[in-house]
Structure formats: structure tokens, C-alpha cells
Amino acid sequence: STVQLRRHPLLDDPFFRRFFDLPDQTPRQKESQSLGSGVIIDADQGYVLTNHHVIEDADEISVTLRDQRTLTAALVGEDPEADIAVLKIPASDLTAIPMADSDRLRVGDFVVAIGNPFGLSQTVTYGIVSAVGRSGLGIEGYENFIQTDASINPGNSGGALVTTQGELVGINTAIVGPSGGNVGIGFAIPSNMAQAVTEQLVEHGEVRRGQLGVVIQDLTPELARAFGLKQLGGAVIAQVVPGSAADRAGLVAGDIVVAVNGRPIRSGSALGTAFGLERVGDALKLDIIRDGRPRTLRATVSDPERLRSDAGRMSARLSAAVLGDIEPDDPTRRAPV
């Protein structure tokens, strides 16, 4: 990639340059390179799966295969929120890795990490699954990480985490370490999550996420006692947007979501991730607790644009203005998911 070098802001001030008789200068630039790993997921189409941060802002992407062929890759699509990117290479005689069902992964299972740490290509490390469903780390927008003690280092990002049967169970993405190296705490995106994002990137070039229209929070021990519950797993509906899919489904503030489509929900961030992987029009089965009693609701994920309204209908002075929810990355408030 090409990086523009920063310079003192006064040098960009026309008055300052004129006062000191400084010539106009184009900003200096330098070339930058980064290394990462990838996984061939479709041999016929030449699709390669990797992390978004590996190819972010790249002007040119090269893929080197195990047989030392180096090919120029085209970017099919990327999703910064899930840190997934799909590339396409014009190659034949490729072998795609078989996919595993990451939902069946259990703590203690043996896994193998394959990648390019510090430029040492085709490096293999071995470990166990330390935890599943890690979220709330602030690494990505949507988190449901597999934690492993298999050595993951800079350059492993985008590489394969495989089972002992050689099936892809995760995409190595991040580490926690005071020195920037491996200390036995690495994180991988589950293969089921990566596959769901990949399908949309291949089909649309982007991820078209729907929205349910709720503000959520964790079920803390204090809230559990207030609701008279003994369990701690779940997410509390703090607010329901009027006219949203959640409103039409019958969700109300104070409902506790404990499962989505049969998958347990243990925290507010886990619920946000579950909603974030659904497409517009997808049907959801929500297992909730209301007034201490279990209930099941059905909802259909809606288009976020439907939650916007023409402000001119409320006041002629607001004509041409469109009102909607504050974006999720806005620091001023929590936004619906």
C-alpha cells in the first residue's frame, strides 16, 4: 500500500507558505507492506479467505501458494466489523480446505494453527481450545471468538485453525500479549461465522446486515436478582424501537433473551453478534423470559432503512431531512441492533 507521510499542518496553510515564501510541495509518500495468511475455501473459483486487517487499504495484494506460485489477487469483498475479507486468485490445481462445524467445538479439543508468523511460511503450531464464545473484548465489532493456546503470532492473521482431522474450524485473528508476541492467548473467528460472512461477500461484495430494533445489555447478577432469576446467562432488552421488527414481534423492555434459533445467549454482546450475522428477511426464533416465565417469539429481521423516517411529515421546517437511529459507531449513545 501507499502511505502518505504526515507533516506539520502549517506546511499545508497557504498563508503560512506565502508569508515565508515556501514552495508548494506535494505530500511525501512511501510504500508499505504487510504479511498475513489465508485459506483457500473454493478451489474452482479461486476464493481465498483472510482477515480484513491483513489487506486493509492495500493497493496490490499478492498470494503465494505452498508450491511457491505467486499470484495477484482481486478483492471480492471485505467486512471490517467481522474482520473478514475474501480474495480471488486466477489459479488452477488448487485444493480447498474442508469446513468443520465450529458449533460442535468444545473446550479441551485439540487444534492446529497454520500460518505465516514473522514471515516463516507454512508454520504449524499445536494446542487446545481454551474457551469458546469469547466476546466483549473490543477487538472487532462482532465477536464470538475461539480462544486457543496454540501459538499465534504476527503474520498468523487470516490463517487456518484446524481440527486434528484437518478441517477448518476457525480463522486466526488476534492475540493478547504484553510484548506483542504469543503468551498462549490467541483468538480465532469460528468457521460458521466466517462462512456466513463469506457467503454475503461473494454474493454482494459486502455484508447486508438487518436490524431487529432493540437496545440490549448484559444480565448482571444485580439485574438477575431484581428479576427474581437464578440464572445469569442472557441479554436484557433495555429498549425497543417503535415500529421495528422487535416491536412487531412483541418484544418489550425487560424481556430477557436466552436463545436465538436454539443457540444459547450468554451476554449482550453475544446477542448483538447473533443479530449481526442475520440477513434482511431472515426468520428468528427468540426464547425469552418475561415475568419469570419462558416464552417463545418469532421475528423477521428488517432492513435498517425502514427505521428511518421523513422528517417533513412531522414539520414542514424539517423537509428534506431524514431521521434515523444514531450509527452503531457513534460514541454518544448505544444504538439498536
Protein backbone atom coordinates (compact mmCIF):
# COMPACT_ATOMS: atom_id res chain seq x y z
CA SER A 1 0.00 0.00 0.00
CA THR A 2 0.99 3.63 -0.41
CA VAL A 3 1.11 5.64 2.81
CA GLN A 4 1.08 9.43 2.90
CA LEU A 5 3.66 10.75 5.33
CA ARG A 6 2.42 13.25 7.88
CA ARG A 7 3.93 16.70 8.00
CA HIS A 8 3.42 19.78 10.12
CA PRO A 9 -0.09 21.24 9.49
CA LEU A 10 1.40 24.74 8.99
CA LEU A 11 3.01 23.49 5.79
CA ASP A 12 -0.50 22.94 4.41
CA ASP A 13 -1.54 26.52 5.25
CA PRO A 14 -1.41 28.71 2.09
CA PHE A 15 -0.94 31.92 4.14
CA PHE A 16 1.99 30.40 6.05
CA ARG A 17 3.68 29.23 2.85
CA ARG A 18 3.18 32.61 1.20
CA PHE A 19 4.44 34.55 4.24
CA PHE A 20 7.67 32.54 4.41
CA ASP A 21 7.89 32.17 0.62
CA LEU A 22 7.75 28.38 0.77
CA PRO A 23 7.15 26.48 -2.49
CA ASP A 24 4.15 24.23 -2.90
CA GLN A 25 5.09 20.65 -2.19
CA THR A 26 3.16 17.52 -2.81
CA PRO A 27 2.83 15.30 0.28
CA ARG A 28 5.58 12.74 0.57
CA GLN A 29 4.59 9.11 0.24
CA LYS A 30 6.15 5.78 0.97
CA GLU A 31 5.31 2.21 0.15
CA SER A 32 4.27 -0.10 2.98
CA GLN A 33 3.97 -3.89 3.07
CA SER A 34 2.25 -6.26 5.45
CA LEU A 35 2.23 -10.02 5.79
CA GLY A 36 -0.57 -12.35 6.72
CA SER A 37 -2.05 -15.73 6.00
CA GLY A 38 -5.06 -17.06 4.11
CA VAL A 39 -7.12 -20.15 3.43
CA ILE A 40 -8.36 -21.49 0.09
CA ILE A 41 -12.07 -22.17 0.56
CA ASP A 42 -13.17 -22.71 -3.07
CA ALA A 43 -10.72 -24.38 -5.45
CA ASP A 44 -12.90 -23.95 -8.56
CA GLN A 45 -13.48 -20.21 -8.11
CA GLY A 46 -10.11 -19.46 -6.52
CA TYR A 47 -11.59 -17.89 -3.38
CA VAL A 48 -9.20 -17.21 -0.50
CA LEU A 49 -10.40 -16.28 2.98
CA THR A 50 -8.34 -13.97 5.20
CA ASN A 51 -8.69 -11.13 7.73
CA HIS A 52 -9.78 -7.65 6.74
CA HIS A 53 -6.90 -6.08 8.68
CA VAL A 54 -4.39 -8.10 6.64
CA ILE A 55 -5.37 -6.44 3.33
CA GLU A 56 -6.81 -3.17 4.64
CA ASP A 57 -6.04 -0.17 2.35
CA ALA A 58 -3.89 -2.37 0.10
CA ASP A 59 -3.16 -1.15 -3.43
CA GLU A 60 -1.92 -4.55 -4.52
CA ILE A 61 -2.42 -7.99 -2.97
CA SER A 62 -0.15 -10.93 -3.75
CA VAL A 63 -0.83 -14.51 -2.73
CA THR A 64 2.00 -17.03 -2.52
CA LEU A 65 0.89 -20.66 -2.57
CA ARG A 66 2.61 -23.61 -0.97
CA ASP A 67 4.11 -24.60 -4.35
CA GLN A 68 5.75 -21.13 -4.47
CA ARG A 69 3.45 -19.73 -7.17
CA THR A 70 2.87 -16.01 -6.55
CA LEU A 71 -0.36 -14.57 -7.93
CA THR A 72 -2.04 -11.18 -7.94
CA ALA A 73 -5.33 -11.38 -6.05
CA ALA A 74 -8.51 -9.37 -6.56
CA LEU A 75 -10.57 -8.25 -3.58
CA VAL A 76 -14.06 -9.78 -3.75
CA GLY A 77 -15.37 -8.14 -0.59
CA GLU A 78 -14.48 -7.23 2.98
CA ASP A 79 -16.29 -6.77 6.27
CA PRO A 80 -14.36 -4.68 8.82
CA GLU A 81 -16.93 -5.37 11.56
CA ALA A 82 -16.26 -9.11 11.50
CA ASP A 83 -12.65 -8.71 10.22
CA ILE A 84 -13.24 -10.97 7.22
CA ALA A 85 -12.09 -10.48 3.61
CA VAL A 86 -12.48 -12.69 0.53
CA LEU A 87 -9.92 -12.66 -2.30
CA LYS A 88 -9.94 -14.29 -5.72
CA ILE A 89 -6.85 -15.67 -7.42
CA PRO A 90 -6.58 -16.80 -11.07
CA ALA A 91 -5.11 -20.21 -10.41
CA SER A 92 -5.76 -23.83 -11.27
CA ASP A 93 -4.83 -27.01 -9.45
CA LEU A 94 -5.94 -25.62 -6.10
CA THR A 95 -7.09 -27.60 -3.10
CA ALA A 96 -9.79 -26.20 -0.82
CA ILE A 97 -9.85 -26.99 2.87
CA PRO A 98 -12.92 -28.85 4.18
CA MET A 99 -15.09 -26.94 6.64
CA ALA A 100 -15.89 -28.12 10.16
CA ASP A 101 -18.96 -27.24 12.21
CA SER A 102 -17.48 -24.81 14.74
CA ASP A 103 -20.61 -25.07 16.91
CA ARG A 104 -19.52 -28.60 17.84
CA LEU A 105 -16.15 -27.42 19.12
CA ARG A 106 -15.61 -27.96 22.85
CA VAL A 107 -13.13 -26.66 25.40
CA GLY A 108 -10.19 -29.06 25.54
CA ASP A 109 -10.39 -30.14 21.88
CA PHE A 110 -7.02 -30.28 20.14
CA VAL A 111 -6.47 -27.78 17.30
CA VAL A 112 -3.65 -26.85 14.91
CA ALA A 113 -2.82 -23.30 13.79
CA ILE A 114 -1.24 -22.91 10.33
CA GLY A 115 0.14 -19.63 9.05
CA ASN A 116 3.00 -17.31 8.25
CA PRO A 117 4.29 -15.97 11.61
CA PHE A 118 7.08 -13.40 11.17
CA GLY A 119 7.35 -14.46 7.51
CA LEU A 120 8.02 -18.13 8.32
CA SER A 121 5.59 -19.62 5.84
CA GLN A 122 3.69 -22.87 6.44
CA THR A 123 4.39 -22.86 10.18
CA VAL A 124 2.27 -25.28 12.21
CA THR A 125 1.59 -25.00 15.95
CA TYR A 126 -0.46 -27.22 18.20
CA GLY A 127 -2.67 -26.62 21.22
CA ILE A 128 -6.13 -26.93 22.68
CA VAL A 129 -9.31 -24.89 22.68
CA SER A 130 -9.13 -22.76 25.83
CA ALA A 131 -12.63 -21.23 25.54
CA VAL A 132 -15.43 -20.70 23.06
CA GLY A 133 -17.83 -17.83 22.55
CA ARG A 134 -15.41 -15.14 23.75
CA SER A 135 -16.93 -11.69 23.27
CA GLY A 136 -16.80 -8.21 24.75
CA LEU A 137 -13.05 -7.92 24.06
CA GLY A 138 -13.36 -4.80 21.93
CA ILE A 139 -11.24 -6.31 19.14
CA GLU A 140 -13.97 -6.46 16.49
CA GLY A 141 -17.48 -5.15 16.05
CA TYR A 142 -18.93 -8.67 16.12
CA GLU A 143 -17.13 -11.12 18.38
CA ASN A 144 -17.64 -14.82 19.02
CA PHE A 145 -14.04 -15.92 19.28
CA ILE A 146 -12.48 -19.32 19.79
CA GLN A 147 -9.67 -18.94 22.32
CA THR A 148 -6.69 -21.24 21.93
CA ASP A 149 -3.21 -21.70 23.38
CA ALA A 150 -1.82 -22.84 20.02
CA SER A 151 0.96 -20.34 19.24
CA ILE A 152 -0.38 -17.45 17.15
CA ASN A 153 1.99 -14.59 16.30
CA PRO A 154 2.07 -11.57 13.95
CA GLY A 155 1.69 -12.98 10.44
CA ASN A 156 -0.70 -15.73 11.53
CA SER A 157 -3.71 -13.45 10.96
CA GLY A 158 -6.08 -14.91 8.38
CA GLY A 159 -4.58 -18.38 8.70
CA ALA A 160 -6.32 -21.64 9.42
CA LEU A 161 -7.20 -23.12 12.78
CA VAL A 162 -7.96 -26.75 12.00
CA THR A 163 -9.10 -29.83 13.84
CA THR A 164 -6.94 -32.92 14.12
CA GLN A 165 -8.95 -34.24 11.17
CA GLY A 166 -7.69 -31.36 9.02
CA GLU A 167 -11.00 -29.45 8.84
CA LEU A 168 -11.19 -25.66 9.11
CA VAL A 169 -12.72 -24.65 12.43
CA GLY A 170 -11.52 -21.04 12.69
CA ILE A 171 -9.62 -18.12 11.17
CA ASN A 172 -6.74 -16.95 13.39
CA THR A 173 -7.26 -13.25 14.05
CA ALA A 174 -5.81 -11.75 17.23
CA ILE A 175 -3.62 -12.31 20.26
CA VAL A 176 -3.31 -10.87 23.74
CA GLY A 177 0.27 -10.37 24.85
CA PRO A 178 2.19 -7.62 26.64
CA SER A 179 5.15 -7.89 24.28
CA GLY A 180 3.19 -8.29 21.04
CA GLY A 181 4.11 -11.97 20.85
CA ASN A 182 2.40 -15.18 21.85
CA VAL A 183 1.76 -15.88 25.53
CA GLY A 184 -0.80 -18.64 24.98
CA ILE A 185 -3.87 -16.43 24.43
CA GLY A 186 -4.95 -16.35 20.82
CA PHE A 187 -8.34 -15.82 19.18
CA ALA A 188 -9.90 -17.20 16.02
CA ILE A 189 -13.15 -16.41 14.22
CA PRO A 190 -15.35 -19.56 14.19
CA SER A 191 -15.71 -21.18 10.77
CA ASN A 192 -19.52 -20.97 10.88
CA MET A 193 -19.36 -17.22 11.44
CA ALA A 194 -16.70 -16.78 8.75
CA GLN A 195 -18.72 -18.85 6.30
CA ALA A 196 -21.89 -16.81 6.89
CA VAL A 197 -20.00 -13.57 6.21
CA THR A 198 -18.20 -15.08 3.20
CA GLU A 199 -21.46 -16.05 1.51
CA GLN A 200 -22.65 -12.44 1.59
CA LEU A 201 -19.30 -11.06 0.45
CA VAL A 202 -19.26 -13.41 -2.54
CA GLU A 203 -22.89 -12.64 -3.38
CA HIS A 204 -22.99 -8.88 -2.79
CA GLY A 205 -19.40 -7.74 -2.25
CA GLU A 206 -20.46 -6.52 1.19
CA VAL A 207 -22.42 -7.69 4.22
CA ARG A 208 -26.03 -6.52 4.23
CA ARG A 209 -26.97 -6.76 7.87
CA GLY A 210 -30.53 -6.43 9.03
CA GLN A 211 -31.74 -4.88 12.24
CA LEU A 212 -34.13 -6.04 14.91
CA GLY A 213 -34.54 -2.66 16.61
CA VAL A 214 -33.54 -3.17 20.24
CA VAL A 215 -31.04 -1.77 22.72
CA ILE A 216 -29.55 -4.55 24.84
CA GLN A 217 -27.41 -5.01 27.92
CA ASP A 218 -25.90 -7.87 29.91
CA LEU A 219 -27.92 -9.73 32.51
CA THR A 220 -25.82 -8.80 35.54
CA PRO A 221 -26.19 -10.53 38.93
CA GLU A 222 -27.94 -7.40 40.23
CA LEU A 223 -30.46 -7.46 37.37
CA ALA A 224 -30.97 -11.19 37.79
CA ARG A 225 -31.87 -10.67 41.46
CA ALA A 226 -34.19 -7.80 40.50
CA PHE A 227 -35.97 -10.06 38.02
CA GLY A 228 -36.08 -12.91 40.56
CA LEU A 229 -33.92 -15.19 38.41
CA LYS A 230 -31.29 -17.68 39.50
CA GLN A 231 -29.58 -17.93 36.08
CA LEU A 232 -27.02 -15.39 34.89
CA GLY A 233 -26.89 -16.20 31.16
CA GLY A 234 -28.86 -13.99 28.80
CA ALA A 235 -29.30 -10.47 27.49
CA VAL A 236 -31.79 -7.88 28.72
CA ILE A 237 -33.87 -5.86 26.27
CA ALA A 238 -33.39 -2.31 27.56
CA GLN A 239 -35.36 -0.55 24.82
CA VAL A 240 -37.48 -1.45 21.80
CA VAL A 241 -37.62 0.92 18.83
CA PRO A 242 -41.27 1.69 17.93
CA GLY A 243 -42.28 0.21 14.60
CA SER A 244 -39.22 -2.03 14.41
CA ALA A 245 -39.09 -5.78 13.78
CA ALA A 246 -38.72 -6.34 17.53
CA ASP A 247 -41.81 -4.24 18.19
CA ARG A 248 -43.84 -6.20 15.64
CA ALA A 249 -42.61 -9.48 17.16
CA GLY A 250 -43.91 -8.46 20.59
CA LEU A 251 -40.63 -7.85 22.41
CA VAL A 252 -40.85 -5.36 25.26
CA ALA A 253 -38.31 -3.70 27.53
CA GLY A 254 -37.39 -6.05 30.36
CA ASP A 255 -37.53 -9.24 28.29
CA ILE A 256 -34.51 -11.49 28.74
CA VAL A 257 -33.31 -13.28 25.60
CA VAL A 258 -31.74 -16.63 26.45
CA ALA A 259 -31.53 -18.23 22.98
CA VAL A 260 -31.73 -17.29 19.29
CA ASN A 261 -32.69 -20.05 16.85
CA GLY A 262 -31.90 -22.58 19.55
CA ARG A 263 -28.41 -21.23 20.30
CA PRO A 264 -27.86 -20.10 23.90
CA ILE A 265 -27.18 -16.41 24.53
CA ARG A 266 -24.90 -15.66 27.47
CA SER A 267 -24.35 -11.89 27.16
CA GLY A 268 -25.50 -8.73 25.44
CA SER A 269 -22.52 -8.77 23.07
CA ALA A 270 -23.30 -12.39 22.12
CA LEU A 271 -26.86 -11.35 21.28
CA GLY A 272 -25.57 -8.42 19.19
CA THR A 273 -23.30 -10.80 17.27
CA ALA A 274 -26.17 -13.24 16.70
CA PHE A 275 -28.32 -10.45 15.25
CA GLY A 276 -25.40 -9.06 13.22
CA LEU A 277 -24.96 -12.31 11.30
CA GLU A 278 -28.58 -12.39 10.13
CA ARG A 279 -29.72 -11.09 6.75
CA VAL A 280 -32.68 -8.90 5.98
CA GLY A 281 -35.75 -11.15 5.86
CA ASP A 282 -34.30 -13.97 7.97
CA ALA A 283 -36.70 -15.53 10.47
CA LEU A 284 -35.66 -15.65 14.12
CA LYS A 285 -36.91 -17.81 16.94
CA LEU A 286 -36.35 -15.97 20.21
CA ASP A 287 -36.51 -17.81 23.52
CA ILE A 288 -37.15 -15.23 26.22
CA ILE A 289 -38.06 -14.94 29.87
CA ARG A 290 -40.80 -12.46 30.75
CA ASP A 291 -42.10 -12.02 34.29
CA GLY A 292 -40.16 -15.12 35.31
CA ARG A 293 -41.83 -17.35 32.71
CA PRO A 294 -40.28 -18.72 29.49
CA ARG A 295 -41.85 -17.69 26.20
CA THR A 296 -41.04 -18.07 22.50
CA LEU A 297 -41.41 -15.26 19.97
CA ARG A 298 -40.93 -15.13 16.22
CA ALA A 299 -39.33 -12.16 14.48
CA THR A 300 -38.23 -11.26 10.96
CA VAL A 301 -35.07 -9.21 10.54
CA SER A 302 -35.87 -5.89 8.87
CA ASP A 303 -33.97 -3.51 6.64
CA PRO A 304 -32.32 -0.73 8.73
CA GLU A 305 -33.60 1.79 6.17
CA ARG A 306 -37.14 1.06 7.30
CA LEU A 307 -36.32 2.55 10.67
CA ARG A 308 -35.69 5.91 9.01
CA SER A 309 -38.47 8.40 8.54
CA ASP A 310 -39.14 11.54 6.52
CA ALA A 311 -38.91 14.43 8.99
CA GLY A 312 -41.04 16.58 6.69
CA ARG A 313 -44.09 14.60 7.72
CA MET A 314 -43.70 15.94 11.25
CA SER A 315 -42.87 19.53 10.39
CA ALA A 316 -42.57 21.49 7.15
CA ARG A 317 -39.47 23.15 8.58
CA LEU A 318 -37.74 19.74 8.52
CA SER A 319 -38.50 18.98 4.88
CA ALA A 320 -35.67 17.17 3.05
CA ALA A 321 -34.34 15.85 6.38
CA VAL A 322 -34.33 12.14 7.16
CA LEU A 323 -34.35 10.98 10.76
CA GLY A 324 -32.89 7.69 11.91
CA ASP A 325 -31.01 5.96 14.69
CA ILE A 326 -27.53 7.12 15.57
CA GLU A 327 -24.98 4.88 13.88
CA PRO A 328 -23.53 1.98 15.94
CA ASP A 329 -20.04 3.51 15.98
CA ASP A 330 -21.24 6.86 17.30
CA PRO A 331 -19.77 7.34 20.80
CA THR A 332 -22.70 9.41 22.08
CA ARG A 333 -25.09 6.55 22.76
CA ARG A 334 -25.83 2.86 22.46
CA ALA A 335 -27.54 2.12 19.18
CA PRO A 336 -30.15 -0.57 18.41
CA VAL A 337 -29.07 -3.84 16.86
